[in-house]
Amino acid sequence: MKIHIETERLILREITNEDLDPMFELDSNPKVHEYLGKKPITTKAQAKTYINSIITQYKERGIGRFAVIEKSTGNFVGWSGLKFNTGDKETIGNKRDFYDIGYRLMPKYWGKGYASESAKVILDYGFKTLNLKTIVGAAETKNIASNKILEKIGLQFTETFFCDSVMVNWYELKKEDYAETMS
């Protein structure tokens, strides 16, 4: 699987082992984890394990999170992509077997529109290239920025529920509704 997607300001490509240092920087930052329900990682070995899980998704499911690179500088901004959540270990609340759009950026790149810009091309990739029927997004209700991004890229709010003791907003976008917004 080789992915190379460009937007006006960004390049999205597969995450590789060469991304170990910036992935560690991203996932060891407490600000990044504020609404993720997880603690920041503390070792590069943990970052390596996460990279390996992403690479496994590429191989086994033909899908995954992609490195987001700033075109003007070549800097690693974070990641954006799709994940197929299946089985008992990959649920959100009582939801299972879904394609989830997600993004995680380093704080110095917040507020520049990079999450929305990358997520829009990920939706396009999911519906047009992968021929997915539905893409979902979830965000803790307190995460105002992430909720705004999901709405901005066209996902429709459907419900709020408790997940691991926090309130989560659930969004969905069906392929036919996406096609209508693109015409």
N, C-alpha and C. Protein backbone atom coordinates (compact mmCIF):
# COMPACT_ATOMS: atom_id res chain seq x y z
N MET A 1 0.85 -1.18 0.00
CA MET A 1 0.00 0.00 0.00
C MET A 1 0.89 1.24 0.00
N LYS A 2 0.76 2.06 -1.00
CA LYS A 2 1.50 3.32 -1.07
C LYS A 2 0.50 4.46 -1.18
N ILE A 3 0.56 5.35 -0.23
CA ILE A 3 -0.34 6.49 -0.21
C ILE A 3 0.48 7.76 -0.31
N HIS A 4 0.05 8.63 -1.19
CA HIS A 4 0.63 9.97 -1.31
C HIS A 4 -0.51 10.87 -1.77
N ILE A 5 -1.03 11.66 -0.84
CA ILE A 5 -2.14 12.57 -1.12
C ILE A 5 -1.66 13.98 -0.82
N GLU A 6 -1.93 14.90 -1.73
CA GLU A 6 -1.53 16.29 -1.51
C GLU A 6 -2.74 17.21 -1.45
N THR A 7 -2.65 18.19 -0.59
CA THR A 7 -3.60 19.29 -0.54
C THR A 7 -2.81 20.55 -0.87
N GLU A 8 -3.43 21.68 -0.74
CA GLU A 8 -2.73 22.94 -1.03
C GLU A 8 -1.50 23.11 -0.14
N ARG A 9 -1.62 22.74 1.15
CA ARG A 9 -0.54 22.99 2.10
C ARG A 9 0.09 21.74 2.70
N LEU A 10 -0.49 20.58 2.43
CA LEU A 10 -0.07 19.37 3.13
C LEU A 10 0.21 18.20 2.20
N ILE A 11 1.02 17.29 2.70
CA ILE A 11 1.22 15.98 2.06
C ILE A 11 0.82 14.93 3.10
N LEU A 12 0.01 13.97 2.67
CA LEU A 12 -0.33 12.83 3.52
C LEU A 12 0.34 11.60 2.93
N ARG A 13 1.05 10.87 3.77
CA ARG A 13 1.76 9.67 3.32
C ARG A 13 1.72 8.64 4.43
N GLU A 14 2.13 7.43 4.10
CA GLU A 14 2.16 6.38 5.10
C GLU A 14 3.12 6.75 6.24
N ILE A 15 2.75 6.37 7.43
CA ILE A 15 3.65 6.50 8.58
C ILE A 15 4.66 5.36 8.50
N THR A 16 5.93 5.69 8.73
CA THR A 16 6.99 4.68 8.67
C THR A 16 7.80 4.70 9.96
N ASN A 17 8.72 3.77 10.06
CA ASN A 17 9.60 3.73 11.23
C ASN A 17 10.47 4.98 11.35
N GLU A 18 10.68 5.68 10.25
CA GLU A 18 11.46 6.92 10.29
C GLU A 18 10.72 8.04 11.03
N ASP A 19 9.43 7.84 11.28
CA ASP A 19 8.62 8.84 11.99
C ASP A 19 8.66 8.64 13.51
N LEU A 20 9.56 7.80 13.99
CA LEU A 20 9.60 7.49 15.42
C LEU A 20 9.75 8.74 16.29
N ASP A 21 10.72 9.60 15.99
CA ASP A 21 10.94 10.78 16.84
C ASP A 21 9.74 11.72 16.85
N PRO A 22 9.20 12.12 15.69
CA PRO A 22 8.04 13.01 15.76
C PRO A 22 6.79 12.34 16.34
N MET A 23 6.62 11.03 16.13
CA MET A 23 5.47 10.34 16.73
C MET A 23 5.62 10.32 18.26
N PHE A 24 6.85 10.15 18.74
CA PHE A 24 7.07 10.20 20.18
C PHE A 24 6.77 11.60 20.71
N GLU A 25 7.25 12.62 19.99
CA GLU A 25 6.99 14.00 20.41
C GLU A 25 5.48 14.27 20.48
N LEU A 26 4.76 13.81 19.49
CA LEU A 26 3.31 14.00 19.43
C LEU A 26 2.61 13.29 20.59
N ASP A 27 2.87 12.01 20.73
CA ASP A 27 2.11 11.20 21.68
C ASP A 27 2.61 11.26 23.12
N SER A 28 3.72 11.95 23.36
CA SER A 28 4.17 12.15 24.74
C SER A 28 3.71 13.50 25.29
N ASN A 29 3.02 14.28 24.47
CA ASN A 29 2.58 15.60 24.87
C ASN A 29 1.23 15.53 25.61
N PRO A 30 1.18 15.95 26.86
CA PRO A 30 -0.08 15.89 27.62
C PRO A 30 -1.22 16.69 26.98
N LYS A 31 -0.92 17.81 26.33
CA LYS A 31 -1.97 18.60 25.67
C LYS A 31 -2.67 17.80 24.59
N VAL A 32 -1.91 17.00 23.86
CA VAL A 32 -2.47 16.19 22.78
C VAL A 32 -3.43 15.14 23.34
N HIS A 33 -3.16 14.66 24.53
CA HIS A 33 -3.95 13.58 25.13
C HIS A 33 -5.09 14.06 26.03
N GLU A 34 -5.29 15.36 26.12
CA GLU A 34 -6.28 15.89 27.05
C GLU A 34 -7.65 15.25 26.88
N TYR A 35 -8.09 15.03 25.64
CA TYR A 35 -9.43 14.49 25.39
C TYR A 35 -9.42 13.09 24.79
N LEU A 36 -8.33 12.39 24.91
CA LEU A 36 -8.24 11.06 24.28
C LEU A 36 -8.53 9.91 25.24
N GLY A 37 -8.64 10.21 26.51
CA GLY A 37 -8.90 9.15 27.47
C GLY A 37 -7.70 8.26 27.72
N LYS A 38 -6.53 8.71 27.31
CA LYS A 38 -5.31 7.93 27.50
C LYS A 38 -4.25 8.84 28.11
N LYS A 39 -3.28 8.24 28.73
CA LYS A 39 -2.15 9.01 29.24
C LYS A 39 -1.11 9.12 28.13
N PRO A 40 -0.34 10.20 28.12
CA PRO A 40 0.73 10.32 27.13
C PRO A 40 1.73 9.17 27.27
N ILE A 41 2.33 8.79 26.17
CA ILE A 41 3.36 7.76 26.23
C ILE A 41 4.61 8.36 26.88
N THR A 42 5.48 7.49 27.36
CA THR A 42 6.67 7.97 28.06
C THR A 42 7.97 7.43 27.47
N THR A 43 7.87 6.51 26.52
CA THR A 43 9.09 5.94 25.92
C THR A 43 8.95 5.85 24.41
N LYS A 44 10.08 5.85 23.75
CA LYS A 44 10.08 5.66 22.30
C LYS A 44 9.64 4.25 21.92
N ALA A 45 9.84 3.31 22.81
CA ALA A 45 9.37 1.94 22.55
C ALA A 45 7.85 1.92 22.40
N GLN A 46 7.15 2.74 23.19
CA GLN A 46 5.69 2.83 23.06
C GLN A 46 5.32 3.44 21.72
N ALA A 47 6.05 4.46 21.29
CA ALA A 47 5.80 5.07 19.98
C ALA A 47 6.04 4.05 18.87
N LYS A 48 7.07 3.26 19.01
CA LYS A 48 7.38 2.22 18.02
C LYS A 48 6.24 1.19 17.95
N THR A 49 5.71 0.81 19.10
CA THR A 49 4.59 -0.13 19.13
C THR A 49 3.38 0.45 18.40
N TYR A 50 3.12 1.74 18.61
CA TYR A 50 1.99 2.39 17.94
C TYR A 50 2.23 2.44 16.43
N ILE A 51 3.42 2.79 16.01
CA ILE A 51 3.75 2.81 14.58
C ILE A 51 3.55 1.42 13.98
N ASN A 52 4.00 0.40 14.68
CA ASN A 52 3.84 -0.97 14.19
C ASN A 52 2.36 -1.34 14.05
N SER A 53 1.52 -0.87 14.97
CA SER A 53 0.08 -1.17 14.86
C SER A 53 -0.53 -0.47 13.65
N ILE A 54 -0.05 0.72 13.34
CA ILE A 54 -0.53 1.44 12.15
C ILE A 54 -0.09 0.70 10.89
N ILE A 55 1.16 0.29 10.84
CA ILE A 55 1.68 -0.45 9.68
C ILE A 55 0.92 -1.76 9.50
N THR A 56 0.56 -2.41 10.60
CA THR A 56 -0.23 -3.65 10.53
C THR A 56 -1.60 -3.37 9.92
N GLN A 57 -2.21 -2.24 10.29
CA GLN A 57 -3.51 -1.89 9.69
C GLN A 57 -3.37 -1.68 8.18
N TYR A 58 -2.29 -1.04 7.76
CA TYR A 58 -2.07 -0.88 6.32
C TYR A 58 -2.07 -2.25 5.63
N LYS A 59 -1.31 -3.18 6.21
CA LYS A 59 -1.14 -4.50 5.59
C LYS A 59 -2.40 -5.35 5.66
N GLU A 60 -3.04 -5.38 6.82
CA GLU A 60 -4.17 -6.28 7.03
C GLU A 60 -5.50 -5.72 6.56
N ARG A 61 -5.63 -4.40 6.61
CA ARG A 61 -6.94 -3.81 6.31
C ARG A 61 -6.91 -2.80 5.17
N GLY A 62 -5.72 -2.50 4.66
CA GLY A 62 -5.61 -1.55 3.56
C GLY A 62 -6.05 -0.15 3.94
N ILE A 63 -5.88 0.18 5.20
CA ILE A 63 -6.39 1.44 5.72
C ILE A 63 -5.51 1.86 6.90
N GLY A 64 -5.59 3.11 7.29
CA GLY A 64 -4.83 3.51 8.47
C GLY A 64 -4.71 5.01 8.63
N ARG A 65 -3.90 5.39 9.58
CA ARG A 65 -3.60 6.79 9.84
C ARG A 65 -2.38 7.15 9.00
N PHE A 66 -2.35 8.37 8.47
CA PHE A 66 -1.27 8.80 7.59
C PHE A 66 -0.54 10.01 8.18
N ALA A 67 0.76 10.04 7.98
CA ALA A 67 1.55 11.19 8.42
C ALA A 67 1.09 12.42 7.66
N VAL A 68 0.96 13.53 8.37
CA VAL A 68 0.63 14.82 7.76
C VAL A 68 1.90 15.65 7.79
N ILE A 69 2.34 16.05 6.60
CA ILE A 69 3.58 16.80 6.43
C ILE A 69 3.25 18.18 5.88
N GLU A 70 3.83 19.21 6.48
CA GLU A 70 3.65 20.58 5.99
C GLU A 70 4.52 20.75 4.75
N LYS A 71 3.88 21.08 3.62
CA LYS A 71 4.62 21.21 2.35
C LYS A 71 5.72 22.27 2.42
N SER A 72 5.42 23.41 3.00
CA SER A 72 6.36 24.53 2.97
C SER A 72 7.64 24.27 3.76
N THR A 73 7.57 23.40 4.77
CA THR A 73 8.74 23.15 5.62
C THR A 73 9.22 21.70 5.60
N GLY A 74 8.36 20.78 5.20
CA GLY A 74 8.68 19.36 5.27
C GLY A 74 8.52 18.80 6.67
N ASN A 75 7.97 19.60 7.59
CA ASN A 75 7.83 19.17 8.99
C ASN A 75 6.66 18.21 9.18
N PHE A 76 6.85 17.27 10.08
CA PHE A 76 5.80 16.35 10.52
C PHE A 76 4.84 17.14 11.40
N VAL A 77 3.58 17.20 11.00
CA VAL A 77 2.56 17.97 11.71
C VAL A 77 1.79 17.07 12.68
N GLY A 78 1.59 15.82 12.27
CA GLY A 78 0.80 14.88 13.05
C GLY A 78 0.31 13.77 12.14
N TRP A 79 -0.89 13.27 12.43
CA TRP A 79 -1.46 12.26 11.54
C TRP A 79 -2.95 12.49 11.35
N SER A 80 -3.47 11.93 10.27
CA SER A 80 -4.89 12.00 9.95
C SER A 80 -5.21 10.74 9.16
N GLY A 81 -6.39 10.19 9.37
CA GLY A 81 -6.72 9.01 8.58
C GLY A 81 -7.93 8.28 9.08
N LEU A 82 -8.08 7.07 8.57
CA LEU A 82 -9.20 6.20 8.90
C LEU A 82 -8.69 4.98 9.65
N LYS A 83 -9.54 4.47 10.51
CA LYS A 83 -9.24 3.23 11.22
C LYS A 83 -10.49 2.38 11.20
N PHE A 84 -10.33 1.10 10.90
CA PHE A 84 -11.46 0.18 10.99
C PHE A 84 -11.47 -0.39 12.39
N ASN A 85 -12.50 -0.06 13.13
CA ASN A 85 -12.65 -0.54 14.51
C ASN A 85 -13.55 -1.76 14.49
N THR A 86 -13.03 -2.87 14.93
CA THR A 86 -13.80 -4.11 14.91
C THR A 86 -13.48 -4.94 16.15
N GLY A 87 -14.41 -5.77 16.53
CA GLY A 87 -14.18 -6.65 17.68
C GLY A 87 -14.43 -5.94 18.99
N ASP A 88 -14.31 -6.69 20.05
CA ASP A 88 -14.63 -6.18 21.39
C ASP A 88 -13.63 -5.16 21.91
N LYS A 89 -12.39 -5.19 21.43
CA LYS A 89 -11.36 -4.29 21.94
C LYS A 89 -11.36 -2.94 21.23
N GLU A 90 -12.08 -2.82 20.13
CA GLU A 90 -12.05 -1.59 19.34
C GLU A 90 -13.44 -0.97 19.25
N THR A 91 -14.08 -0.82 20.38
CA THR A 91 -15.41 -0.23 20.40
C THR A 91 -15.34 1.19 20.95
N ILE A 92 -16.36 1.95 20.65
CA ILE A 92 -16.57 3.25 21.29
C ILE A 92 -18.00 3.18 21.82
N GLY A 93 -18.12 3.14 23.14
CA GLY A 93 -19.43 2.88 23.72
C GLY A 93 -19.88 1.50 23.28
N ASN A 94 -21.10 1.41 22.76
CA ASN A 94 -21.59 0.13 22.25
C ASN A 94 -21.43 0.01 20.73
N LYS A 95 -20.69 0.93 20.13
CA LYS A 95 -20.47 0.94 18.68
C LYS A 95 -19.32 0.00 18.33
N ARG A 96 -19.50 -0.76 17.26
CA ARG A 96 -18.44 -1.64 16.80
C ARG A 96 -18.55 -1.82 15.29
N ASP A 97 -17.45 -2.23 14.68
CA ASP A 97 -17.38 -2.48 13.24
C ASP A 97 -17.71 -1.22 12.44
N PHE A 98 -16.85 -0.23 12.56
CA PHE A 98 -17.05 1.04 11.87
C PHE A 98 -15.72 1.62 11.42
N TYR A 99 -15.79 2.49 10.42
CA TYR A 99 -14.62 3.22 9.93
C TYR A 99 -14.65 4.59 10.57
N ASP A 100 -13.62 4.88 11.33
CA ASP A 100 -13.53 6.08 12.15
C ASP A 100 -12.49 7.04 11.57
N ILE A 101 -12.90 8.28 11.35
CA ILE A 101 -11.94 9.30 10.91
C ILE A 101 -11.32 9.92 12.16
N GLY A 102 -10.02 10.14 12.10
CA GLY A 102 -9.33 10.72 13.24
C GLY A 102 -8.15 11.55 12.79
N TYR A 103 -7.69 12.39 13.68
CA TYR A 103 -6.56 13.27 13.40
C TYR A 103 -5.93 13.62 14.74
N ARG A 104 -4.64 13.80 14.72
CA ARG A 104 -3.89 14.17 15.93
C ARG A 104 -2.72 15.02 15.47
N LEU A 105 -2.69 16.27 15.90
CA LEU A 105 -1.64 17.19 15.47
C LEU A 105 -0.85 17.72 16.66
N MET A 106 0.39 18.08 16.39
CA MET A 106 1.22 18.72 17.42
C MET A 106 0.62 20.09 17.74
N PRO A 107 0.60 20.48 19.01
CA PRO A 107 -0.03 21.75 19.40
C PRO A 107 0.44 22.97 18.62
N LYS A 108 1.71 23.01 18.21
CA LYS A 108 2.18 24.20 17.49
C LYS A 108 1.50 24.36 16.13
N TYR A 109 0.77 23.32 15.67
CA TYR A 109 0.05 23.40 14.40
C TYR A 109 -1.46 23.54 14.58
N TRP A 110 -1.91 23.61 15.81
CA TRP A 110 -3.34 23.79 16.07
C TRP A 110 -3.76 25.18 15.59
N GLY A 111 -4.99 25.30 15.16
CA GLY A 111 -5.55 26.59 14.76
C GLY A 111 -5.17 27.04 13.37
N LYS A 112 -4.51 26.21 12.59
CA LYS A 112 -4.10 26.58 11.23
C LYS A 112 -5.00 25.96 10.16
N GLY A 113 -5.99 25.17 10.59
CA GLY A 113 -6.87 24.52 9.63
C GLY A 113 -6.33 23.22 9.05
N TYR A 114 -5.21 22.74 9.58
CA TYR A 114 -4.60 21.53 9.04
C TYR A 114 -5.43 20.28 9.31
N ALA A 115 -6.07 20.21 10.47
CA ALA A 115 -6.90 19.03 10.77
C ALA A 115 -8.06 18.94 9.79
N SER A 116 -8.75 20.05 9.56
CA SER A 116 -9.86 20.06 8.61
C SER A 116 -9.39 19.76 7.20
N GLU A 117 -8.30 20.38 6.80
CA GLU A 117 -7.76 20.19 5.45
C GLU A 117 -7.39 18.73 5.19
N SER A 118 -6.73 18.13 6.16
CA SER A 118 -6.34 16.72 5.98
C SER A 118 -7.54 15.80 6.08
N ALA A 119 -8.47 16.08 6.99
CA ALA A 119 -9.65 15.23 7.16
C ALA A 119 -10.54 15.25 5.92
N LYS A 120 -10.64 16.39 5.25
CA LYS A 120 -11.46 16.45 4.03
C LYS A 120 -10.93 15.51 2.95
N VAL A 121 -9.61 15.47 2.76
CA VAL A 121 -9.08 14.56 1.73
C VAL A 121 -9.15 13.11 2.19
N ILE A 122 -9.15 12.88 3.48
CA ILE A 122 -9.32 11.52 3.99
C ILE A 122 -10.75 11.04 3.72
N LEU A 123 -11.74 11.91 3.90
CA LEU A 123 -13.11 11.54 3.54
C LEU A 123 -13.20 11.18 2.07
N ASP A 124 -12.60 12.01 1.23
CA ASP A 124 -12.60 11.76 -0.21
C ASP A 124 -11.96 10.41 -0.52
N TYR A 125 -10.84 10.14 0.10
CA TYR A 125 -10.14 8.86 -0.08
C TYR A 125 -11.02 7.70 0.38
N GLY A 126 -11.66 7.86 1.51
CA GLY A 126 -12.51 6.79 2.05
C GLY A 126 -13.70 6.47 1.17
N PHE A 127 -14.36 7.51 0.68
CA PHE A 127 -15.55 7.28 -0.13
C PHE A 127 -15.23 6.94 -1.58
N LYS A 128 -14.27 7.63 -2.17
CA LYS A 128 -13.99 7.43 -3.60
C LYS A 128 -13.02 6.29 -3.88
N THR A 129 -11.98 6.16 -3.09
CA THR A 129 -10.97 5.13 -3.35
C THR A 129 -11.32 3.81 -2.67
N LEU A 130 -11.71 3.89 -1.40
CA LEU A 130 -12.02 2.67 -0.65
C LEU A 130 -13.47 2.24 -0.79
N ASN A 131 -14.31 3.12 -1.35
CA ASN A 131 -15.73 2.84 -1.57
C ASN A 131 -16.46 2.49 -0.26
N LEU A 132 -16.12 3.20 0.81
CA LEU A 132 -16.80 2.98 2.09
C LEU A 132 -18.22 3.50 2.01
N LYS A 133 -19.11 2.89 2.76
CA LYS A 133 -20.52 3.30 2.77
C LYS A 133 -20.78 4.38 3.83
N THR A 134 -20.08 4.29 4.96
CA THR A 134 -20.27 5.23 6.06
C THR A 134 -18.93 5.46 6.75
N ILE A 135 -18.68 6.71 7.11
CA ILE A 135 -17.52 7.07 7.92
C ILE A 135 -18.05 7.79 9.16
N VAL A 136 -17.51 7.44 10.32
CA VAL A 136 -17.97 8.04 11.56
C VAL A 136 -16.83 8.83 12.22
N GLY A 137 -17.21 9.65 13.16
CA GLY A 137 -16.26 10.37 13.97
C GLY A 137 -16.81 10.47 15.38
N ALA A 138 -15.93 10.49 16.35
CA ALA A 138 -16.34 10.62 17.75
C ALA A 138 -15.42 11.62 18.42
N ALA A 139 -16.00 12.43 19.30
CA ALA A 139 -15.20 13.40 20.03
C ALA A 139 -15.82 13.61 21.40
N GLU A 140 -14.97 13.71 22.40
CA GLU A 140 -15.46 14.03 23.74
C GLU A 140 -16.21 15.36 23.65
N THR A 141 -17.33 15.46 24.34
CA THR A 141 -18.16 16.66 24.25
C THR A 141 -17.39 17.93 24.62
N LYS A 142 -16.43 17.82 25.53
CA LYS A 142 -15.65 18.99 25.96
C LYS A 142 -14.61 19.42 24.92
N ASN A 143 -14.34 18.57 23.95
CA ASN A 143 -13.33 18.89 22.93
C ASN A 143 -14.00 19.71 21.82
N ILE A 144 -14.17 20.99 22.09
CA ILE A 144 -14.88 21.89 21.17
C ILE A 144 -14.23 21.89 19.79
N ALA A 145 -12.92 21.98 19.73
CA ALA A 145 -12.22 22.06 18.44
C ALA A 145 -12.49 20.83 17.58
N SER A 146 -12.39 19.64 18.15
CA SER A 146 -12.59 18.42 17.38
C SER A 146 -14.04 18.29 16.92
N ASN A 147 -14.99 18.66 17.77
CA ASN A 147 -16.39 18.63 17.37
C ASN A 147 -16.64 19.58 16.20
N LYS A 148 -16.04 20.76 16.25
CA LYS A 148 -16.20 21.73 15.15
C LYS A 148 -15.61 21.18 13.85
N ILE A 149 -14.47 20.52 13.94
CA ILE A 149 -13.84 19.95 12.74
C ILE A 149 -14.74 18.90 12.12
N LEU A 150 -15.28 17.99 12.93
CA LEU A 150 -16.15 16.94 12.40
C LEU A 150 -17.37 17.54 11.70
N GLU A 151 -17.93 18.59 12.27
CA GLU A 151 -19.07 19.26 11.64
C GLU A 151 -18.64 19.99 10.37
N LYS A 152 -17.50 20.65 10.42
CA LYS A 152 -17.01 21.42 9.27
C LYS A 152 -16.77 20.53 8.05
N ILE A 153 -16.28 19.32 8.27
CA ILE A 153 -16.00 18.44 7.14
C ILE A 153 -17.24 17.69 6.66
N GLY A 154 -18.39 17.92 7.33
CA GLY A 154 -19.65 17.39 6.82
C GLY A 154 -20.26 16.24 7.58
N LEU A 155 -19.62 15.76 8.65
CA LEU A 155 -20.24 14.69 9.41
C LEU A 155 -21.44 15.24 10.17
N GLN A 156 -22.46 14.40 10.32
CA GLN A 156 -23.70 14.81 10.98
C GLN A 156 -23.75 14.23 12.39
N PHE A 157 -24.02 15.10 13.36
CA PHE A 157 -24.18 14.65 14.74
C PHE A 157 -25.38 13.71 14.82
N THR A 158 -25.21 12.58 15.51
CA THR A 158 -26.34 11.65 15.67
C THR A 158 -26.72 11.40 17.12
N GLU A 159 -25.73 11.40 18.03
CA GLU A 159 -26.08 11.13 19.42
C GLU A 159 -24.90 11.44 20.35
N THR A 160 -25.24 11.50 21.64
CA THR A 160 -24.24 11.65 22.70
C THR A 160 -24.42 10.48 23.65
N PHE A 161 -23.31 9.90 24.10
CA PHE A 161 -23.39 8.78 25.04
C PHE A 161 -22.14 8.75 25.91
N PHE A 162 -22.23 7.99 27.00
CA PHE A 162 -21.08 7.79 27.87
C PHE A 162 -20.18 6.71 27.30
N CYS A 163 -18.88 6.96 27.35
CA CYS A 163 -17.89 5.97 26.95
C CYS A 163 -16.71 6.11 27.92
N ASP A 164 -16.44 5.08 28.66
CA ASP A 164 -15.35 5.12 29.63
C ASP A 164 -15.45 6.34 30.54
N SER A 165 -16.63 6.61 31.03
CA SER A 165 -16.94 7.67 32.00
C SER A 165 -16.85 9.10 31.46
N VAL A 166 -16.78 9.26 30.13
CA VAL A 166 -16.84 10.61 29.55
C VAL A 166 -17.97 10.66 28.52
N MET A 167 -18.50 11.85 28.32
CA MET A 167 -19.55 12.05 27.32
C MET A 167 -18.91 12.22 25.95
N VAL A 168 -19.43 11.50 24.98
CA VAL A 168 -18.88 11.50 23.62
C VAL A 168 -19.97 11.86 22.63
N ASN A 169 -19.65 12.75 21.70
CA ASN A 169 -20.55 13.03 20.57
C ASN A 169 -20.19 12.10 19.43
N TRP A 170 -21.21 11.55 18.79
CA TRP A 170 -21.04 10.60 17.69
C TRP A 170 -21.56 11.26 16.41
N TYR A 171 -20.75 11.17 15.37
CA TYR A 171 -21.08 11.76 14.07
C TYR A 171 -21.00 10.68 12.99
N GLU A 172 -21.79 10.84 11.93
CA GLU A 172 -21.75 9.91 10.81
C GLU A 172 -21.90 10.67 9.50
N LEU A 173 -21.33 10.10 8.45
CA LEU A 173 -21.54 10.61 7.10
C LEU A 173 -21.65 9.42 6.17
N LYS A 174 -22.76 9.35 5.45
CA LYS A 174 -22.98 8.28 4.49
C LYS A 174 -22.48 8.72 3.12
N LYS A 175 -22.04 7.76 2.33
CA LYS A 175 -21.47 8.04 1.02
C LYS A 175 -22.42 8.86 0.16
N GLU A 176 -23.71 8.51 0.15
CA GLU A 176 -24.66 9.24 -0.70
C GLU A 176 -24.81 10.70 -0.26
N ASP A 177 -24.73 10.95 1.05
CA ASP A 177 -24.80 12.33 1.54
C ASP A 177 -23.52 13.09 1.20
N TYR A 178 -22.39 12.41 1.26
CA TYR A 178 -21.12 13.01 0.88
C TYR A 178 -21.14 13.38 -0.61
N ALA A 179 -21.65 12.48 -1.43
CA ALA A 179 -21.72 12.72 -2.88
C ALA A 179 -22.58 13.95 -3.17
N GLU A 180 -23.66 14.13 -2.43
CA GLU A 180 -24.53 15.30 -2.63
C GLU A 180 -23.81 16.59 -2.28
N THR A 181 -23.01 16.58 -1.22
CA THR A 181 -22.30 17.80 -0.83
C THR A 181 -21.19 18.14 -1.81
N MET A 182 -20.70 17.14 -2.53
CA MET A 182 -19.60 17.37 -3.47
C MET A 182 -20.08 17.80 -4.86
N SER A 183 -21.39 17.64 -5.13
CA SER A 183 -21.90 17.99 -6.47
C SER A 183 -22.36 19.43 -6.57
